[in-house]
């Protein structure tokens, strides 16, 4: 448990463990509402944004009372803090996540996407690895699976081909060779199947360049 050991080392030296749930929070990873729960750790502080506002500017920080109390002893001012429109949007998003079962949807459709991408991996040598949780998946593209040489140019070709066919995908990784598959949590299996068809064609196009 890498994260558990990291938490232990930080606390041993008097530090605080902060979980950044900006991208992993609100059920996106499927099995749990928060990403850190997948690793059986409890952070001292959790920061969150993006998903809680669904496009509306909104972020939040939660922590233990003993950590937060010092802030109450001094004036801490934020010009845009507590915006009522953002607060209403945040509450509405939380209601939709619960009422529409979006965490469970992330788990089920994420598993469908993961299985589909692993199937594509068997047919496209360009795909070196498929990893992730729920609707947060990384597809690492390589020129050689043994050496794991990054396929940076091919990744750009896949992104462009997918975009031309109607699917927008981001990229990440130190060498810009990892596709970031993070669709909206309301995605259906039909949508996911369409994405897989597009990826199949995009990998074929990139592999022939």
N, C-alpha and C. Protein backbone atom coordinates (compact mmCIF):
# COMPACT_ATOMS: atom_id res chain seq x y z
N UNK A 1 0.85 -1.20 0.00
CA UNK A 1 0.00 0.00 0.00
C UNK A 1 0.88 1.24 0.00
N UNK A 2 1.21 1.71 -1.19
CA UNK A 2 2.11 2.86 -1.34
C UNK A 2 1.58 4.09 -0.59
N UNK A 3 0.29 4.39 -0.77
CA UNK A 3 -0.27 5.59 -0.16
C UNK A 3 -0.27 5.47 1.36
N UNK A 4 -0.58 4.30 1.88
CA UNK A 4 -0.58 4.09 3.32
C UNK A 4 0.80 4.32 3.91
N UNK A 5 1.83 3.81 3.23
CA UNK A 5 3.20 4.00 3.71
C UNK A 5 3.61 5.47 3.62
N UNK A 6 3.18 6.14 2.56
CA UNK A 6 3.50 7.56 2.41
C UNK A 6 2.86 8.37 3.53
N UNK A 7 1.60 8.05 3.85
CA UNK A 7 0.91 8.74 4.94
C UNK A 7 1.66 8.55 6.25
N UNK A 8 2.11 7.32 6.50
CA UNK A 8 2.81 7.01 7.75
C UNK A 8 4.11 7.80 7.86
N UNK A 9 4.86 7.91 6.77
CA UNK A 9 6.12 8.65 6.78
C UNK A 9 5.87 10.14 7.03
N UNK A 10 4.87 10.70 6.36
CA UNK A 10 4.54 12.12 6.54
C UNK A 10 4.18 12.42 7.99
N UNK A 11 3.32 11.58 8.56
CA UNK A 11 2.88 11.81 9.94
C UNK A 11 3.99 11.58 10.95
N UNK A 12 4.89 10.66 10.63
CA UNK A 12 6.02 10.40 11.50
C UNK A 12 6.89 11.64 11.66
N UNK A 13 6.90 12.48 10.62
CA UNK A 13 7.70 13.69 10.63
C UNK A 13 6.85 14.94 10.94
N UNK A 14 5.64 14.73 11.43
CA UNK A 14 4.82 15.85 11.87
C UNK A 14 4.04 16.56 10.78
N UNK A 15 3.93 15.97 9.62
CA UNK A 15 3.22 16.61 8.51
C UNK A 15 1.75 16.23 8.47
N UNK A 16 1.00 16.93 7.63
CA UNK A 16 -0.41 16.64 7.40
C UNK A 16 -0.58 15.97 6.05
N UNK A 17 -1.51 15.04 5.99
CA UNK A 17 -1.78 14.33 4.74
C UNK A 17 -3.02 14.95 4.08
N UNK A 18 -2.83 15.46 2.87
CA UNK A 18 -3.92 16.15 2.16
C UNK A 18 -4.31 15.34 0.93
N UNK A 19 -5.58 15.00 0.84
CA UNK A 19 -6.08 14.25 -0.32
C UNK A 19 -6.67 15.24 -1.33
N UNK A 20 -6.11 15.23 -2.52
CA UNK A 20 -6.61 16.07 -3.61
C UNK A 20 -7.66 15.28 -4.37
N UNK A 21 -8.92 15.59 -4.12
CA UNK A 21 -10.03 14.87 -4.74
C UNK A 21 -10.69 15.67 -5.86
N UNK A 22 -9.95 16.63 -6.42
CA UNK A 22 -10.50 17.47 -7.48
C UNK A 22 -10.97 16.63 -8.66
N UNK A 23 -10.19 15.62 -9.03
CA UNK A 23 -10.56 14.78 -10.18
C UNK A 23 -11.13 13.43 -9.77
N UNK A 24 -10.79 12.96 -8.59
CA UNK A 24 -11.18 11.60 -8.21
C UNK A 24 -12.41 11.52 -7.32
N UNK A 25 -12.89 12.66 -6.85
CA UNK A 25 -13.99 12.66 -5.88
C UNK A 25 -15.38 12.48 -6.46
N UNK A 26 -16.35 12.41 -5.55
CA UNK A 26 -17.78 12.36 -5.89
C UNK A 26 -18.19 11.11 -6.65
N UNK A 27 -17.50 9.99 -6.38
CA UNK A 27 -17.92 8.72 -6.94
C UNK A 27 -17.33 8.35 -8.28
N UNK A 28 -16.44 9.18 -8.82
CA UNK A 28 -15.90 8.89 -10.16
C UNK A 28 -15.15 7.56 -10.22
N UNK A 29 -14.48 7.17 -9.13
CA UNK A 29 -13.70 5.93 -9.17
C UNK A 29 -14.57 4.69 -8.99
N UNK A 30 -15.87 4.87 -8.77
CA UNK A 30 -16.79 3.74 -8.77
C UNK A 30 -17.04 3.07 -7.44
N UNK A 31 -16.06 2.41 -6.90
CA UNK A 31 -16.27 1.65 -5.67
C UNK A 31 -16.50 2.52 -4.44
N UNK A 32 -15.94 3.72 -4.45
CA UNK A 32 -16.06 4.61 -3.29
C UNK A 32 -16.36 6.03 -3.74
N UNK A 33 -16.91 6.80 -2.79
CA UNK A 33 -17.25 8.20 -3.10
C UNK A 33 -15.99 9.04 -3.24
N UNK A 34 -14.98 8.72 -2.43
CA UNK A 34 -13.71 9.46 -2.49
C UNK A 34 -12.59 8.54 -2.96
N UNK A 35 -11.68 9.08 -3.73
CA UNK A 35 -10.58 8.29 -4.24
C UNK A 35 -9.71 7.69 -3.15
N UNK A 36 -9.47 8.45 -2.08
CA UNK A 36 -8.57 7.96 -1.03
C UNK A 36 -9.11 6.71 -0.34
N UNK A 37 -10.43 6.52 -0.40
CA UNK A 37 -11.02 5.35 0.24
C UNK A 37 -10.59 4.04 -0.43
N UNK A 38 -10.16 4.12 -1.67
CA UNK A 38 -9.69 2.93 -2.38
C UNK A 38 -8.38 2.40 -1.79
N UNK A 39 -7.71 3.22 -0.99
CA UNK A 39 -6.40 2.84 -0.46
C UNK A 39 -6.40 2.72 1.06
N UNK A 40 -7.58 2.71 1.66
CA UNK A 40 -7.73 2.49 3.09
C UNK A 40 -6.90 3.46 3.93
N UNK A 41 -6.98 4.74 3.57
CA UNK A 41 -6.30 5.78 4.34
C UNK A 41 -7.32 6.86 4.71
N UNK A 42 -6.99 7.62 5.75
CA UNK A 42 -7.84 8.73 6.17
C UNK A 42 -6.99 10.00 6.21
N UNK A 43 -7.22 10.93 5.29
CA UNK A 43 -6.40 12.14 5.24
C UNK A 43 -6.75 13.12 6.35
N UNK A 44 -5.86 14.07 6.57
CA UNK A 44 -6.12 15.13 7.55
C UNK A 44 -6.94 16.24 6.92
N UNK A 45 -6.86 16.32 5.61
CA UNK A 45 -7.56 17.39 4.88
C UNK A 45 -7.94 16.88 3.50
N UNK A 46 -9.09 17.31 3.01
CA UNK A 46 -9.54 16.93 1.66
C UNK A 46 -9.89 18.20 0.90
N UNK A 47 -9.33 18.33 -0.31
CA UNK A 47 -9.66 19.46 -1.17
C UNK A 47 -10.45 18.93 -2.36
N UNK A 48 -11.43 19.70 -2.80
CA UNK A 48 -12.30 19.24 -3.89
C UNK A 48 -12.74 20.42 -4.74
N UNK A 49 -13.07 20.15 -6.00
CA UNK A 49 -13.53 21.20 -6.92
C UNK A 49 -14.06 20.50 -8.17
N UNK A 50 -14.22 21.24 -9.24
CA UNK A 50 -14.68 20.73 -10.55
C UNK A 50 -15.97 19.93 -10.44
N UNK A 51 -15.85 18.66 -10.04
CA UNK A 51 -17.01 17.78 -10.02
C UNK A 51 -18.15 18.28 -9.16
N UNK A 52 -17.84 19.00 -8.10
CA UNK A 52 -18.89 19.46 -7.19
C UNK A 52 -19.73 20.58 -7.81
N UNK A 53 -19.18 21.27 -8.81
CA UNK A 53 -19.91 22.38 -9.41
C UNK A 53 -20.44 22.10 -10.81
N UNK A 54 -19.96 21.02 -11.43
CA UNK A 54 -20.40 20.64 -12.78
C UNK A 54 -20.32 21.81 -13.76
N UNK A 55 -19.21 22.52 -13.71
CA UNK A 55 -19.00 23.64 -14.63
C UNK A 55 -19.13 25.00 -13.97
N UNK A 56 -19.82 25.06 -12.85
CA UNK A 56 -19.93 26.31 -12.08
C UNK A 56 -18.71 26.42 -11.17
N UNK A 57 -18.07 27.59 -11.08
CA UNK A 57 -16.88 27.74 -10.22
C UNK A 57 -17.22 27.43 -8.76
N UNK A 58 -16.61 26.38 -8.25
CA UNK A 58 -16.88 25.98 -6.87
C UNK A 58 -15.77 25.04 -6.39
N UNK A 59 -15.30 25.29 -5.20
CA UNK A 59 -14.28 24.44 -4.59
C UNK A 59 -14.52 24.43 -3.08
N UNK A 60 -13.96 23.44 -2.43
CA UNK A 60 -14.14 23.35 -0.98
C UNK A 60 -12.96 22.62 -0.34
N UNK A 61 -12.78 22.90 0.94
CA UNK A 61 -11.75 22.25 1.75
C UNK A 61 -12.41 21.74 3.02
N UNK A 62 -12.17 20.50 3.35
CA UNK A 62 -12.67 19.95 4.61
C UNK A 62 -11.49 19.43 5.43
N UNK A 63 -11.59 19.57 6.75
CA UNK A 63 -10.50 19.12 7.60
C UNK A 63 -11.02 18.88 9.01
N UNK A 64 -10.15 18.42 9.87
CA UNK A 64 -10.52 18.18 11.26
C UNK A 64 -10.64 19.50 12.02
N UNK A 65 -11.45 19.50 13.07
CA UNK A 65 -11.70 20.71 13.85
C UNK A 65 -10.40 21.34 14.36
N UNK A 66 -9.50 20.52 14.90
CA UNK A 66 -8.28 21.09 15.48
C UNK A 66 -7.39 21.77 14.45
N UNK A 67 -7.51 21.36 13.19
CA UNK A 67 -6.73 22.01 12.14
C UNK A 67 -7.42 23.29 11.69
N UNK A 68 -8.75 23.28 11.67
CA UNK A 68 -9.51 24.44 11.19
C UNK A 68 -9.62 25.57 12.21
N UNK A 69 -9.59 25.24 13.51
CA UNK A 69 -9.83 26.24 14.55
C UNK A 69 -8.90 27.45 14.49
N UNK A 70 -7.61 27.29 14.19
CA UNK A 70 -6.74 28.48 14.11
C UNK A 70 -7.22 29.53 13.12
N UNK A 71 -7.92 29.10 12.05
CA UNK A 71 -8.42 30.07 11.07
C UNK A 71 -9.50 30.96 11.68
N UNK A 72 -10.19 30.45 12.69
CA UNK A 72 -11.27 31.22 13.32
C UNK A 72 -10.71 32.31 14.23
N UNK A 73 -9.45 32.23 14.56
CA UNK A 73 -8.84 33.20 15.46
C UNK A 73 -8.38 34.46 14.74
N UNK A 74 -8.39 34.40 13.42
CA UNK A 74 -7.98 35.55 12.61
C UNK A 74 -8.98 35.77 11.49
N UNK A 75 -8.98 36.98 10.94
CA UNK A 75 -9.86 37.29 9.83
C UNK A 75 -9.35 36.62 8.57
N UNK A 76 -10.17 35.76 7.99
CA UNK A 76 -9.80 35.09 6.74
C UNK A 76 -10.86 35.45 5.71
N UNK A 77 -10.49 36.26 4.72
CA UNK A 77 -11.46 36.83 3.79
C UNK A 77 -11.28 36.27 2.38
N UNK A 78 -12.38 35.95 1.73
CA UNK A 78 -12.37 35.46 0.36
C UNK A 78 -13.47 36.19 -0.41
N UNK A 79 -13.07 36.95 -1.42
CA UNK A 79 -14.04 37.78 -2.16
C UNK A 79 -15.19 36.97 -2.73
N UNK A 80 -14.90 35.79 -3.26
CA UNK A 80 -15.95 35.01 -3.92
C UNK A 80 -16.45 33.83 -3.08
N UNK A 81 -16.01 33.74 -1.85
CA UNK A 81 -16.43 32.64 -0.99
C UNK A 81 -17.92 32.70 -0.67
N UNK A 82 -18.56 31.55 -0.68
CA UNK A 82 -19.97 31.49 -0.30
C UNK A 82 -20.93 32.06 -1.33
N UNK A 83 -20.52 32.13 -2.58
CA UNK A 83 -21.40 32.64 -3.63
C UNK A 83 -22.69 31.81 -3.66
N UNK A 84 -23.87 32.44 -3.49
CA UNK A 84 -25.12 31.68 -3.41
C UNK A 84 -25.46 30.87 -4.66
N UNK A 85 -25.07 31.37 -5.84
CA UNK A 85 -25.35 30.63 -7.07
C UNK A 85 -24.51 29.35 -7.10
N UNK A 86 -23.24 29.49 -6.75
CA UNK A 86 -22.37 28.31 -6.71
C UNK A 86 -22.83 27.32 -5.65
N UNK A 87 -23.26 27.84 -4.51
CA UNK A 87 -23.73 26.95 -3.44
C UNK A 87 -24.96 26.15 -3.89
N UNK A 88 -25.88 26.83 -4.58
CA UNK A 88 -27.09 26.16 -5.07
C UNK A 88 -26.72 25.11 -6.11
N UNK A 89 -25.76 25.43 -6.98
CA UNK A 89 -25.32 24.48 -8.00
C UNK A 89 -24.68 23.26 -7.35
N UNK A 90 -23.86 23.49 -6.33
CA UNK A 90 -23.20 22.40 -5.64
C UNK A 90 -24.19 21.45 -4.98
N UNK A 91 -25.19 22.02 -4.34
CA UNK A 91 -26.22 21.18 -3.71
C UNK A 91 -26.99 20.37 -4.75
N UNK A 92 -27.29 21.02 -5.88
CA UNK A 92 -28.03 20.33 -6.95
C UNK A 92 -27.21 19.17 -7.51
N UNK A 93 -25.89 19.40 -7.68
CA UNK A 93 -25.03 18.34 -8.20
C UNK A 93 -25.00 17.15 -7.25
N UNK A 94 -24.88 17.41 -5.97
CA UNK A 94 -24.85 16.33 -4.98
C UNK A 94 -26.15 15.53 -5.01
N UNK A 95 -27.26 16.23 -5.19
CA UNK A 95 -28.55 15.55 -5.27
C UNK A 95 -28.64 14.65 -6.50
N UNK A 96 -28.16 15.15 -7.64
CA UNK A 96 -28.20 14.37 -8.88
C UNK A 96 -27.30 13.13 -8.78
N UNK A 97 -26.11 13.30 -8.20
CA UNK A 97 -25.20 12.17 -8.04
C UNK A 97 -25.88 11.05 -7.26
N UNK A 98 -26.60 11.44 -6.20
CA UNK A 98 -27.27 10.44 -5.36
C UNK A 98 -28.53 9.89 -6.02
N UNK A 99 -29.39 10.78 -6.52
CA UNK A 99 -30.67 10.34 -7.07
C UNK A 99 -30.52 9.55 -8.36
N UNK A 100 -29.55 9.90 -9.19
CA UNK A 100 -29.35 9.21 -10.47
C UNK A 100 -28.36 8.05 -10.37
N UNK A 101 -27.86 7.79 -9.17
CA UNK A 101 -26.94 6.66 -9.00
C UNK A 101 -25.67 6.77 -9.83
N UNK A 102 -25.08 7.96 -9.88
CA UNK A 102 -23.94 8.17 -10.77
C UNK A 102 -22.67 7.46 -10.30
N UNK A 103 -22.55 7.23 -8.99
CA UNK A 103 -21.39 6.47 -8.53
C UNK A 103 -21.45 5.03 -9.05
N UNK A 104 -22.62 4.43 -8.93
CA UNK A 104 -22.78 3.07 -9.44
C UNK A 104 -22.61 3.03 -10.95
N UNK A 105 -23.09 4.08 -11.62
CA UNK A 105 -22.92 4.15 -13.07
C UNK A 105 -21.45 4.24 -13.44
N UNK A 106 -20.69 5.00 -12.65
CA UNK A 106 -19.25 5.09 -12.89
C UNK A 106 -18.59 3.72 -12.77
N UNK A 107 -19.03 2.96 -11.80
CA UNK A 107 -18.48 1.63 -11.59
C UNK A 107 -18.81 0.70 -12.75
N UNK A 108 -20.09 0.69 -13.16
CA UNK A 108 -20.54 -0.25 -14.19
C UNK A 108 -20.05 0.13 -15.58
N UNK A 109 -20.24 1.39 -15.96
CA UNK A 109 -19.81 1.80 -17.30
C UNK A 109 -18.28 1.85 -17.36
N UNK A 110 -17.65 2.20 -16.23
CA UNK A 110 -16.19 2.19 -16.19
C UNK A 110 -15.65 0.79 -16.44
N UNK A 111 -16.28 -0.22 -15.83
CA UNK A 111 -15.85 -1.60 -16.04
C UNK A 111 -16.06 -2.02 -17.49
N UNK A 112 -17.15 -1.55 -18.09
CA UNK A 112 -17.43 -1.84 -19.50
C UNK A 112 -16.36 -1.22 -20.40
N UNK A 113 -16.01 0.03 -20.12
CA UNK A 113 -14.98 0.71 -20.90
C UNK A 113 -13.63 0.04 -20.73
N UNK A 114 -13.29 -0.30 -19.49
CA UNK A 114 -12.01 -0.93 -19.21
C UNK A 114 -11.88 -2.26 -19.95
N UNK A 115 -12.94 -3.06 -19.91
CA UNK A 115 -12.92 -4.35 -20.60
C UNK A 115 -12.78 -4.15 -22.11
N UNK A 116 -13.49 -3.15 -22.63
CA UNK A 116 -13.41 -2.86 -24.07
C UNK A 116 -12.03 -2.40 -24.49
N UNK A 117 -11.41 -1.57 -23.67
CA UNK A 117 -10.07 -1.07 -23.98
C UNK A 117 -9.03 -2.18 -23.89
N UNK A 118 -9.20 -3.07 -22.92
CA UNK A 118 -8.27 -4.20 -22.81
C UNK A 118 -8.41 -5.14 -24.01
N UNK A 119 -9.63 -5.23 -24.53
CA UNK A 119 -9.85 -6.03 -25.73
C UNK A 119 -9.14 -5.38 -26.92
N UNK A 120 -9.22 -4.04 -27.01
CA UNK A 120 -8.52 -3.33 -28.08
C UNK A 120 -7.01 -3.50 -27.94
N UNK A 121 -6.54 -3.61 -26.70
CA UNK A 121 -5.10 -3.80 -26.46
C UNK A 121 -4.59 -5.08 -27.11
N UNK A 122 -5.45 -6.09 -27.18
CA UNK A 122 -5.05 -7.36 -27.79
C UNK A 122 -4.88 -7.23 -29.30
N UNK A 123 -5.52 -6.20 -29.88
CA UNK A 123 -5.50 -6.06 -31.33
C UNK A 123 -4.66 -4.90 -31.83
N UNK A 124 -4.25 -4.03 -30.90
CA UNK A 124 -3.45 -2.86 -31.30
C UNK A 124 -2.16 -2.82 -30.49
N UNK A 125 -1.02 -3.16 -31.10
CA UNK A 125 0.28 -3.16 -30.40
C UNK A 125 0.63 -1.80 -29.80
N UNK A 126 0.01 -0.75 -30.31
CA UNK A 126 0.27 0.60 -29.83
C UNK A 126 -0.11 0.76 -28.36
N UNK A 127 -1.09 -0.01 -27.90
CA UNK A 127 -1.57 0.11 -26.52
C UNK A 127 -0.67 -0.71 -25.60
N UNK A 128 0.09 -0.01 -24.75
CA UNK A 128 0.99 -0.69 -23.85
C UNK A 128 0.35 -1.07 -22.53
N UNK A 129 -0.57 -0.24 -22.06
CA UNK A 129 -1.19 -0.51 -20.76
C UNK A 129 -2.54 0.19 -20.67
N UNK A 130 -3.46 -0.45 -19.98
CA UNK A 130 -4.78 0.12 -19.70
C UNK A 130 -4.98 0.03 -18.19
N UNK A 131 -5.20 1.15 -17.52
CA UNK A 131 -5.31 1.14 -16.06
C UNK A 131 -6.31 2.20 -15.60
N UNK A 132 -6.77 2.03 -14.37
CA UNK A 132 -7.67 3.04 -13.82
C UNK A 132 -8.72 2.46 -12.91
N UNK A 133 -9.64 3.31 -12.50
CA UNK A 133 -10.76 2.93 -11.64
C UNK A 133 -12.00 3.66 -12.11
N UNK A 134 -13.10 2.95 -12.18
CA UNK A 134 -14.36 3.59 -12.55
C UNK A 134 -14.23 4.33 -13.87
N UNK A 135 -14.69 5.59 -13.87
CA UNK A 135 -14.61 6.41 -15.08
C UNK A 135 -13.39 7.32 -15.07
N UNK A 136 -12.29 6.76 -14.64
CA UNK A 136 -11.02 7.48 -14.67
C UNK A 136 -9.97 6.48 -15.16
N UNK A 137 -9.75 6.48 -16.47
CA UNK A 137 -8.93 5.44 -17.10
C UNK A 137 -7.77 6.07 -17.89
N UNK A 138 -6.61 5.43 -17.77
CA UNK A 138 -5.45 5.86 -18.54
C UNK A 138 -5.06 4.78 -19.53
N UNK A 139 -4.80 5.19 -20.77
CA UNK A 139 -4.35 4.25 -21.81
C UNK A 139 -2.98 4.71 -22.28
N UNK A 140 -1.96 3.93 -21.91
CA UNK A 140 -0.59 4.30 -22.24
C UNK A 140 -0.21 3.75 -23.61
N UNK A 141 0.24 4.63 -24.49
CA UNK A 141 0.62 4.23 -25.85
C UNK A 141 2.13 4.17 -25.97
N UNK A 142 2.62 3.05 -26.53
CA UNK A 142 4.06 2.84 -26.64
C UNK A 142 4.43 2.35 -28.04
N UNK A 143 5.68 2.57 -28.39
CA UNK A 143 6.18 2.08 -29.67
C UNK A 143 6.60 0.62 -29.55
N UNK A 144 6.98 0.22 -28.35
CA UNK A 144 7.43 -1.15 -28.10
C UNK A 144 7.02 -1.54 -26.69
N UNK A 145 6.28 -2.64 -26.55
CA UNK A 145 5.79 -3.04 -25.23
C UNK A 145 6.91 -3.52 -24.31
N UNK A 146 8.02 -3.97 -24.89
CA UNK A 146 9.13 -4.45 -24.07
C UNK A 146 9.91 -3.28 -23.49
N UNK A 147 10.27 -2.33 -24.36
CA UNK A 147 11.06 -1.17 -23.90
C UNK A 147 10.17 -0.07 -23.32
N UNK A 148 8.89 -0.12 -23.65
CA UNK A 148 7.90 0.88 -23.21
C UNK A 148 8.25 2.29 -23.70
N UNK A 149 8.90 2.34 -24.86
CA UNK A 149 9.23 3.64 -25.45
C UNK A 149 7.94 4.40 -25.74
N UNK A 150 7.81 5.64 -25.25
CA UNK A 150 6.57 6.40 -25.41
C UNK A 150 6.24 6.69 -26.87
N UNK A 151 4.98 6.52 -27.22
CA UNK A 151 4.52 6.81 -28.58
C UNK A 151 3.84 8.18 -28.58
N UNK A 152 4.65 9.20 -28.39
CA UNK A 152 4.12 10.56 -28.24
C UNK A 152 3.42 11.06 -29.50
N UNK A 153 4.05 10.86 -30.65
CA UNK A 153 3.45 11.33 -31.90
C UNK A 153 2.19 10.55 -32.25
N UNK A 154 2.22 9.26 -31.99
CA UNK A 154 1.04 8.44 -32.26
C UNK A 154 -0.12 8.83 -31.36
N UNK A 155 0.20 9.24 -30.14
CA UNK A 155 -0.85 9.68 -29.20
C UNK A 155 -1.55 10.90 -29.76
N UNK A 156 -0.78 11.84 -30.30
CA UNK A 156 -1.36 13.04 -30.90
C UNK A 156 -2.24 12.66 -32.08
N UNK A 157 -1.81 11.65 -32.84
CA UNK A 157 -2.59 11.21 -33.99
C UNK A 157 -3.90 10.57 -33.55
N UNK A 158 -3.87 9.81 -32.46
CA UNK A 158 -5.09 9.20 -31.92
C UNK A 158 -6.07 10.28 -31.46
N UNK A 159 -5.55 11.27 -30.76
CA UNK A 159 -6.41 12.36 -30.27
C UNK A 159 -7.09 13.08 -31.44
N UNK A 160 -6.33 13.35 -32.47
CA UNK A 160 -6.86 14.08 -33.61
C UNK A 160 -7.90 13.24 -34.36
N UNK A 161 -7.60 11.95 -34.54
CA UNK A 161 -8.54 11.07 -35.25
C UNK A 161 -9.84 10.92 -34.45
N UNK A 162 -9.71 10.75 -33.14
CA UNK A 162 -10.90 10.61 -32.29
C UNK A 162 -11.73 11.88 -32.33
N UNK A 163 -11.05 13.02 -32.30
CA UNK A 163 -11.77 14.31 -32.34
C UNK A 163 -12.55 14.45 -33.64
N UNK A 164 -11.95 14.05 -34.73
CA UNK A 164 -12.62 14.13 -36.02
C UNK A 164 -13.86 13.25 -36.07
N UNK A 165 -13.86 12.18 -35.26
CA UNK A 165 -15.00 11.26 -35.23
C UNK A 165 -15.96 11.54 -34.08
N UNK A 166 -15.73 12.65 -33.37
CA UNK A 166 -16.70 13.07 -32.36
C UNK A 166 -16.41 12.72 -30.92
N UNK A 167 -15.19 12.27 -30.61
CA UNK A 167 -14.85 11.93 -29.22
C UNK A 167 -13.64 12.77 -28.78
N UNK A 168 -13.84 13.54 -27.71
CA UNK A 168 -12.76 14.36 -27.18
C UNK A 168 -12.09 13.63 -26.02
N UNK A 169 -10.78 13.50 -26.10
CA UNK A 169 -9.99 12.82 -25.08
C UNK A 169 -8.78 13.68 -24.74
N UNK A 170 -8.40 13.68 -23.46
CA UNK A 170 -7.22 14.42 -23.05
C UNK A 170 -6.00 13.52 -23.06
N UNK A 171 -4.86 14.10 -22.75
CA UNK A 171 -3.64 13.30 -22.65
C UNK A 171 -2.85 13.75 -21.44
N UNK A 172 -2.00 12.86 -20.95
CA UNK A 172 -1.18 13.18 -19.79
C UNK A 172 0.08 12.33 -19.83
N UNK A 173 0.70 12.20 -18.66
CA UNK A 173 1.94 11.43 -18.60
C UNK A 173 3.14 12.31 -18.86
N UNK A 174 4.27 11.90 -18.36
CA UNK A 174 5.50 12.67 -18.50
C UNK A 174 5.86 12.94 -19.96
N UNK A 175 5.52 11.99 -20.84
CA UNK A 175 5.87 12.11 -22.26
C UNK A 175 4.65 12.40 -23.14
N UNK A 176 3.53 12.71 -22.51
CA UNK A 176 2.33 13.02 -23.28
C UNK A 176 1.83 11.85 -24.09
N UNK A 177 1.98 10.63 -23.55
CA UNK A 177 1.60 9.43 -24.31
C UNK A 177 0.53 8.61 -23.60
N UNK A 178 -0.20 9.23 -22.66
CA UNK A 178 -1.26 8.52 -21.95
C UNK A 178 -2.60 9.19 -22.23
N UNK A 179 -3.52 8.45 -22.82
CA UNK A 179 -4.86 8.98 -23.07
C UNK A 179 -5.60 9.04 -21.74
N UNK A 180 -6.21 10.17 -21.46
CA UNK A 180 -6.98 10.34 -20.23
C UNK A 180 -8.47 10.18 -20.57
N UNK A 181 -9.01 9.02 -20.27
CA UNK A 181 -10.41 8.73 -20.58
C UNK A 181 -11.23 9.02 -19.33
N UNK A 182 -11.88 10.18 -19.32
CA UNK A 182 -12.65 10.63 -18.15
C UNK A 182 -13.97 11.23 -18.61
N UNK A 183 -14.88 10.40 -19.09
CA UNK A 183 -16.16 10.91 -19.60
C UNK A 183 -17.06 11.40 -18.46
N UNK A 184 -18.11 12.12 -18.77
CA UNK A 184 -19.08 12.53 -17.75
C UNK A 184 -19.63 11.32 -17.02
N UNK A 185 -19.91 11.46 -15.74
CA UNK A 185 -20.38 10.33 -14.94
C UNK A 185 -21.77 9.84 -15.35
N UNK A 186 -22.46 10.62 -16.16
CA UNK A 186 -23.79 10.21 -16.63
C UNK A 186 -23.72 9.44 -17.95
N UNK A 187 -22.52 9.12 -18.42
CA UNK A 187 -22.36 8.41 -19.69
C UNK A 187 -23.09 7.07 -19.64
N UNK A 188 -23.69 6.69 -20.77
CA UNK A 188 -24.39 5.41 -20.86
C UNK A 188 -23.47 4.36 -21.50
N UNK A 189 -23.87 3.10 -21.42
CA UNK A 189 -23.09 2.04 -22.06
C UNK A 189 -23.11 2.22 -23.57
N UNK A 190 -24.22 2.77 -24.10
CA UNK A 190 -24.30 3.02 -25.54
C UNK A 190 -23.27 4.07 -25.95
N UNK A 191 -23.13 5.10 -25.13
CA UNK A 191 -22.12 6.13 -25.40
C UNK A 191 -20.73 5.51 -25.33
N UNK A 192 -20.51 4.67 -24.32
CA UNK A 192 -19.20 4.05 -24.13
C UNK A 192 -18.87 3.13 -25.30
N UNK A 193 -19.87 2.41 -25.81
CA UNK A 193 -19.65 1.53 -26.95
C UNK A 193 -19.24 2.33 -28.18
N UNK A 194 -19.87 3.50 -28.35
CA UNK A 194 -19.50 4.38 -29.47
C UNK A 194 -18.05 4.84 -29.31
N UNK A 195 -17.66 5.20 -28.10
CA UNK A 195 -16.29 5.63 -27.85
C UNK A 195 -15.30 4.52 -28.20
N UNK A 196 -15.64 3.30 -27.84
CA UNK A 196 -14.75 2.17 -28.14
C UNK A 196 -14.59 1.96 -29.64
N UNK A 197 -15.69 2.14 -30.38
CA UNK A 197 -15.63 2.02 -31.84
C UNK A 197 -14.71 3.09 -32.42
N UNK A 198 -14.83 4.30 -31.89
CA UNK A 198 -13.99 5.41 -32.35
C UNK A 198 -12.53 5.15 -32.01
N UNK A 199 -12.27 4.68 -30.79
CA UNK A 199 -10.89 4.38 -30.39
C UNK A 199 -10.29 3.30 -31.30
N UNK A 200 -11.07 2.30 -31.62
CA UNK A 200 -10.59 1.22 -32.48
C UNK A 200 -10.11 1.77 -33.81
N UNK A 201 -10.93 2.64 -34.41
CA UNK A 201 -10.55 3.22 -35.69
C UNK A 201 -9.37 4.18 -35.54
N UNK A 202 -9.37 4.95 -34.43
CA UNK A 202 -8.30 5.92 -34.20
C UNK A 202 -6.96 5.23 -34.01
N UNK A 203 -6.93 4.11 -33.30
CA UNK A 203 -5.69 3.36 -33.10
C UNK A 203 -5.18 2.79 -34.43
N UNK A 204 -6.12 2.37 -35.26
CA UNK A 204 -5.73 1.84 -36.57
C UNK A 204 -5.11 2.93 -37.42
N UNK A 205 -5.71 4.11 -37.38
CA UNK A 205 -5.19 5.24 -38.15
C UNK A 205 -3.80 5.63 -37.66
N UNK A 206 -3.66 5.77 -36.33
CA UNK A 206 -2.38 6.17 -35.75
C UNK A 206 -1.30 5.11 -36.00
N UNK A 207 -1.69 3.84 -35.97
CA UNK A 207 -0.73 2.76 -36.17
C UNK A 207 -0.21 2.66 -37.59
N UNK A 208 -0.95 3.26 -38.53
CA UNK A 208 -0.53 3.19 -39.93
C UNK A 208 0.25 4.41 -40.37
N UNK A 209 0.36 5.41 -39.47
CA UNK A 209 1.07 6.65 -39.83
C UNK A 209 2.58 6.43 -39.78
